[in-house]
Protein backbone atom coordinates (compact mmCIF):
# COMPACT_ATOMS: atom_id res chain seq x y z
CA MET A 1 -24.69 -13.95 -36.70
CA THR A 2 -25.81 -14.35 -32.84
CA VAL A 3 -25.23 -16.99 -30.64
CA VAL A 4 -27.33 -17.17 -27.40
CA PRO A 5 -26.90 -20.45 -25.40
CA GLN A 6 -29.61 -19.28 -22.74
CA ASN A 7 -31.82 -19.87 -26.10
CA ARG A 8 -32.23 -23.37 -25.42
CA ARG A 9 -34.28 -23.21 -22.26
CA ARG A 10 -36.40 -20.83 -24.45
CA GLY A 11 -36.83 -23.37 -27.16
CA LEU A 12 -34.46 -21.44 -29.78
CA PRO A 13 -31.92 -22.40 -32.17
CA THR A 14 -28.45 -21.38 -29.73
CA ILE A 15 -27.61 -19.60 -33.41
CA HIS A 16 -29.42 -17.01 -35.33
CA ALA A 17 -27.91 -16.14 -38.71
CA SER A 18 -28.94 -14.30 -42.25
CA TYR A 19 -26.80 -13.86 -45.08
CA LEU A 20 -26.77 -10.68 -47.62
CA LEU A 21 -25.08 -11.93 -50.85
CA THR A 22 -23.95 -8.82 -52.94
CA ASP A 23 -22.50 -9.00 -56.31
CA PRO A 24 -18.80 -8.93 -56.16
CA THR A 25 -18.60 -6.46 -58.77
CA SER A 26 -20.98 -3.73 -58.15
CA GLY A 27 -21.57 -4.56 -54.69
CA ALA A 28 -25.65 -4.05 -55.46
CA PRO A 29 -27.07 -6.63 -52.74
CA LEU A 30 -28.17 -9.67 -54.93
CA CYS A 31 -30.27 -11.85 -51.44
CA LEU A 32 -31.04 -11.77 -48.13
CA MET A 33 -31.24 -15.39 -47.05
CA GLU A 34 -31.62 -17.65 -43.95
CA ALA A 35 -28.10 -18.67 -42.78
CA ALA A 36 -27.79 -21.03 -40.04
CA PHE A 37 -28.75 -23.36 -42.58
CA LEU A 38 -25.78 -22.30 -44.83
CA THR A 39 -23.36 -22.30 -42.04
CA ALA A 40 -24.16 -25.66 -40.93
CA ILE A 41 -24.08 -27.40 -44.58
CA ARG A 42 -20.42 -25.55 -45.46
CA THR A 43 -19.52 -26.64 -41.90
CA GLY A 44 -20.27 -30.31 -42.81
CA ALA A 45 -19.23 -30.30 -46.23
CA THR A 46 -15.79 -28.51 -45.00
CA SER A 47 -15.45 -31.23 -42.61
CA ALA A 48 -16.14 -34.05 -44.99
CA LEU A 49 -13.43 -32.80 -47.39
CA ALA A 50 -11.20 -32.76 -44.68
CA ALA A 51 -11.70 -36.31 -43.62
CA GLN A 52 -11.81 -37.37 -47.32
CA LEU A 53 -8.01 -36.19 -47.35
CA LEU A 54 -7.08 -37.05 -43.85
CA SER A 55 -8.94 -40.14 -42.93
CA ARG A 56 -8.00 -43.60 -43.79
CA ARG A 57 -10.61 -45.27 -46.47
CA ASP A 58 -11.76 -48.02 -44.13
CA VAL A 59 -13.50 -45.89 -42.05
CA SER A 60 -16.56 -48.22 -40.34
CA THR A 61 -17.46 -46.75 -36.97
CA VAL A 62 -18.33 -42.69 -36.57
CA ALA A 63 -18.41 -41.40 -32.95
CA CYS A 64 -20.60 -38.23 -32.83
CA PHE A 65 -19.88 -36.01 -29.82
CA GLY A 66 -23.26 -33.71 -30.28
CA ALA A 67 -27.06 -33.88 -30.89
CA GLY A 68 -27.74 -30.66 -32.59
CA VAL A 69 -28.41 -29.23 -35.75
CA GLN A 70 -24.40 -29.34 -37.03
CA ALA A 71 -24.07 -33.00 -35.94
CA ALA A 72 -26.75 -34.33 -38.30
CA PHE A 73 -24.94 -32.29 -40.72
CA GLN A 74 -21.84 -33.88 -40.10
CA LEU A 75 -22.84 -37.39 -40.42
CA ARG A 76 -25.03 -36.28 -43.56
CA CYS A 77 -21.70 -34.92 -45.10
CA LEU A 78 -19.27 -37.66 -44.17
CA GLN A 79 -21.41 -40.45 -45.28
CA VAL A 80 -20.95 -39.01 -49.20
CA VAL A 81 -17.10 -39.19 -48.51
CA ARG A 82 -16.40 -42.33 -46.09
CA PRO A 83 -19.50 -44.73 -46.27
CA PHE A 84 -19.88 -45.67 -42.51
CA GLU A 85 -21.77 -48.76 -40.92
CA ARG A 86 -22.05 -47.51 -37.48
CA VAL A 87 -22.41 -43.99 -35.55
CA LEU A 88 -22.24 -43.86 -31.61
CA VAL A 89 -23.52 -40.77 -30.58
CA VAL A 90 -22.33 -38.90 -26.92
CA GLY A 91 -24.66 -36.37 -26.05
CA ARG A 92 -25.17 -34.40 -22.70
CA ARG A 93 -28.66 -34.82 -22.25
CA PRO A 94 -30.00 -38.37 -22.80
CA GLU A 95 -33.33 -37.62 -24.01
CA ARG A 96 -32.13 -35.56 -27.04
CA ALA A 97 -28.91 -38.19 -27.92
CA ARG A 98 -32.18 -40.90 -28.42
CA ILE A 99 -34.45 -38.89 -30.31
CA PHE A 100 -31.31 -37.51 -32.77
CA ALA A 101 -30.05 -41.54 -33.11
CA GLU A 102 -33.86 -42.60 -34.02
CA ARG A 103 -33.61 -39.59 -36.79
CA LEU A 104 -30.08 -39.98 -37.89
CA ARG A 105 -30.89 -44.08 -38.28
CA GLU A 106 -33.60 -43.61 -40.80
CA THR A 107 -31.81 -40.60 -42.52
CA LEU A 108 -28.50 -42.38 -42.80
CA ASP A 109 -30.23 -46.28 -43.21
CA VAL A 110 -26.95 -47.21 -40.88
CA ASP A 111 -26.81 -48.51 -37.16
CA VAL A 112 -26.97 -45.33 -34.71
CA GLN A 113 -27.07 -45.97 -31.62
CA VAL A 114 -25.91 -43.96 -27.97
CA SER A 115 -23.31 -44.22 -25.93
CA TRP A 116 -23.10 -43.62 -22.51
CA ASP A 117 -19.35 -44.70 -22.56
CA ARG A 118 -17.09 -41.96 -24.07
CA ARG A 119 -14.29 -43.86 -23.63
CA ALA A 120 -16.06 -46.98 -25.29
CA ALA A 121 -16.94 -44.82 -28.22
CA VAL A 122 -13.75 -43.18 -28.63
CA THR A 123 -11.63 -46.76 -28.73
CA GLY A 124 -14.40 -47.98 -31.11
CA ALA A 125 -14.52 -45.23 -33.66
CA ASP A 126 -12.18 -45.16 -37.02
CA LEU A 127 -13.61 -41.19 -37.29
CA ILE A 128 -14.63 -38.57 -34.66
CA THR A 129 -16.55 -36.05 -35.20
CA CYS A 130 -16.97 -33.03 -32.79
CA ALA A 131 -20.16 -30.56 -32.87
CA THR A 132 -21.09 -29.52 -29.62
CA THR A 133 -21.27 -26.20 -27.03
CA SER A 134 -18.72 -27.76 -25.09
CA ALA A 135 -15.91 -25.10 -23.20
CA THR A 136 -14.08 -28.16 -22.01
CA PRO A 137 -12.57 -31.05 -23.86
CA VAL A 138 -15.23 -34.03 -24.34
CA PHE A 139 -12.70 -36.92 -24.33
CA SER A 140 -9.15 -37.98 -23.31
CA GLY A 141 -7.17 -37.95 -25.88
CA ARG A 142 -5.50 -40.71 -24.78
CA ASP A 143 -8.00 -42.94 -25.55
CA VAL A 144 -7.77 -42.58 -29.49
CA ARG A 145 -6.45 -44.92 -31.75
CA PRO A 146 -3.63 -44.78 -33.88
CA GLY A 147 -4.85 -44.40 -37.43
CA THR A 148 -8.40 -42.77 -36.30
CA HIS A 149 -8.86 -38.96 -37.53
CA VAL A 150 -10.88 -36.33 -35.54
CA ASP A 151 -12.89 -33.06 -37.14
CA ALA A 152 -13.47 -30.60 -34.11
CA VAL A 153 -15.67 -27.84 -35.44
CA GLY A 154 -17.50 -26.68 -32.17
CA ALA A 155 -15.26 -24.92 -30.53
CA PHE A 156 -15.00 -20.86 -31.85
CA ARG A 157 -13.64 -19.14 -28.98
CA PRO A 158 -9.94 -18.89 -27.72
CA THR A 159 -10.99 -20.08 -24.35
CA SER A 160 -13.22 -23.18 -24.92
CA ARG A 161 -11.91 -26.46 -26.64
CA GLU A 162 -13.51 -29.90 -27.71
CA VAL A 163 -10.32 -31.60 -27.61
CA ASP A 164 -7.73 -32.12 -24.84
CA THR A 165 -3.55 -30.96 -25.37
CA THR A 166 -3.26 -35.03 -25.20
CA LEU A 167 -4.96 -35.27 -28.77
CA VAL A 168 -3.38 -32.09 -30.30
CA LYS A 169 0.13 -33.14 -29.19
CA ARG A 170 -0.56 -36.83 -30.47
CA ALA A 171 -1.99 -35.26 -33.87
CA ARG A 172 -1.04 -34.41 -37.57
CA ILE A 173 -3.32 -30.94 -37.68
CA VAL A 174 -4.52 -29.02 -40.60
CA VAL A 175 -6.86 -25.90 -39.89
CA ASP A 176 -9.36 -24.10 -42.25
CA THR A 177 -6.98 -21.31 -42.13
CA TYR A 178 -4.25 -19.85 -40.21
CA GLU A 179 -5.19 -16.78 -39.47
CA GLY A 180 -8.59 -18.01 -37.96
CA ALA A 181 -7.21 -20.72 -36.19
CA TRP A 182 -4.97 -18.25 -34.17
CA GLU A 183 -7.38 -15.77 -33.57
CA GLU A 184 -10.39 -18.36 -32.53
CA ALA A 185 -9.56 -21.88 -31.90
CA GLY A 186 -9.03 -22.46 -28.75
CA ASP A 187 -8.20 -26.25 -29.23
CA LEU A 188 -5.00 -24.76 -30.44
CA LEU A 189 -4.79 -21.77 -28.04
CA ILE A 190 -4.99 -23.25 -25.09
CA PRO A 191 -2.10 -25.64 -25.73
CA LEU A 192 -0.22 -23.45 -27.55
CA ARG A 193 -0.36 -20.86 -24.38
CA ALA A 194 0.95 -23.53 -22.33
CA ARG A 195 3.53 -24.16 -24.36
CA ALA A 196 2.52 -27.55 -24.83
CA ILE A 197 2.61 -27.44 -28.32
CA SER A 198 4.46 -24.27 -30.92
CA ARG A 199 2.98 -23.17 -34.03
CA ARG A 200 4.89 -25.64 -36.04
CA HIS A 201 2.75 -28.09 -34.68
CA ILE A 202 -0.09 -27.29 -37.18
CA ARG A 203 1.04 -28.96 -40.48
CA ALA A 204 -1.09 -27.47 -42.99
CA GLU A 205 -4.06 -25.27 -44.21
CA LEU A 206 -6.92 -27.91 -45.82
CA ALA A 207 -6.30 -25.73 -49.00
CA GLU A 208 -2.58 -26.50 -48.94
CA VAL A 209 -3.44 -30.36 -48.67
CA VAL A 210 -6.53 -30.11 -51.25
CA SER A 211 -3.31 -28.46 -53.66
CA GLY A 212 -0.49 -31.04 -52.74
CA ARG A 213 1.94 -28.38 -51.48
CA ARG A 214 1.32 -30.11 -48.03
CA ARG A 215 0.67 -33.32 -46.87
CA GLY A 216 -1.99 -34.52 -43.94
CA ARG A 217 -1.77 -38.04 -43.22
CA THR A 218 1.83 -39.32 -43.77
CA SER A 219 1.19 -43.06 -42.70
CA PRO A 220 -1.82 -45.15 -42.01
CA GLU A 221 -1.09 -45.18 -37.85
CA ASP A 222 -1.27 -40.80 -37.97
CA ILE A 223 -3.89 -39.46 -36.13
CA THR A 224 -4.89 -36.61 -38.23
CA LEU A 225 -6.80 -34.17 -36.73
CA PHE A 226 -8.78 -31.06 -38.59
CA LYS A 227 -9.74 -28.03 -36.41
CA SER A 228 -12.23 -26.05 -37.83
CA VAL A 229 -13.39 -22.48 -36.85
CA GLY A 230 -15.14 -21.04 -40.56
CA TRP A 231 -14.02 -19.44 -42.99
CA ALA A 232 -16.01 -16.61 -44.47
CA ALA A 233 -14.78 -17.60 -48.22
CA GLU A 234 -17.14 -21.10 -47.46
CA ASP A 235 -20.15 -18.97 -46.84
CA ALA A 236 -19.67 -16.79 -50.03
CA THR A 237 -19.47 -19.61 -51.91
CA THR A 238 -22.23 -21.63 -50.18
CA ALA A 239 -24.56 -18.76 -50.72
CA ARG A 240 -23.34 -17.90 -54.44
CA LEU A 241 -24.48 -21.68 -55.28
CA ALA A 242 -27.73 -21.68 -53.33
CA TYR A 243 -28.81 -18.06 -55.04
CA ASP A 244 -27.67 -19.52 -58.35
CA ARG A 245 -29.81 -22.44 -58.18
CA ALA A 246 -32.58 -20.70 -56.34
CA VAL A 247 -32.43 -18.19 -59.56
CA ALA A 248 -32.84 -20.97 -61.79
CA ALA A 249 -35.33 -22.76 -60.28
CA HIS A 250 -37.36 -19.58 -59.69
CA VAL A 251 -37.47 -20.11 -55.87
CA GLY A 252 -37.48 -16.73 -53.75
CA THR A 253 -39.43 -13.88 -53.52
CA GLU A 254 -38.08 -10.79 -55.49
CA VAL A 255 -38.09 -7.50 -53.89
CA ARG A 256 -37.69 -4.20 -55.48
CA LEU A 257 -35.39 -1.66 -53.09
């Protein structure tokens, strides 16, 4: 995977990725596939699973920070587990946000509007999803209402973050893996280095909530935060599923090495 922010000026995707799937027993190569789609859908699906476990059931309005490919997958996957009625899109570039809202309005068949007021979007949301390339917080944690769930997937470097220390301190936090969070999750590492929180502030890995070993949301008033930086097992599972479906449908080109 390569991440080149300057590609936006070239009219190219920020991320280029490919996936080489190998047989886990023999190590033989099975399939080479384009991985940007896989990355986007597995990230969206993981966030949706977290929302299913951590958000309240009565989600009606979603605030979406970001207007790119990943933001679209976040919303498409979230709609499966929490059939919301309205989306408020907050983007850096007005024209891109407007086009994104129009496209998603048709795809999701719900009311999707662009919001130019970040605070209003946050205070009006039951669920907030962040899928941006911002290196600094995109909204104030003070504005998040009790009971709100936040999915933060955009920042994956130890020096960048989408959510601020105030939100981190207020929230019950679940991560995809502890190992990944302590290496890459600037949203958590920055307040940790400032001694605003300790490692004990992170309540669980997502798998621990899935299995029931640890609790995520404990009351309707909890603010919950799922911080994801990605996990190789998610990629492997998604790629294997794609490969098995392609073989069954006779899709793809076979190349003998």
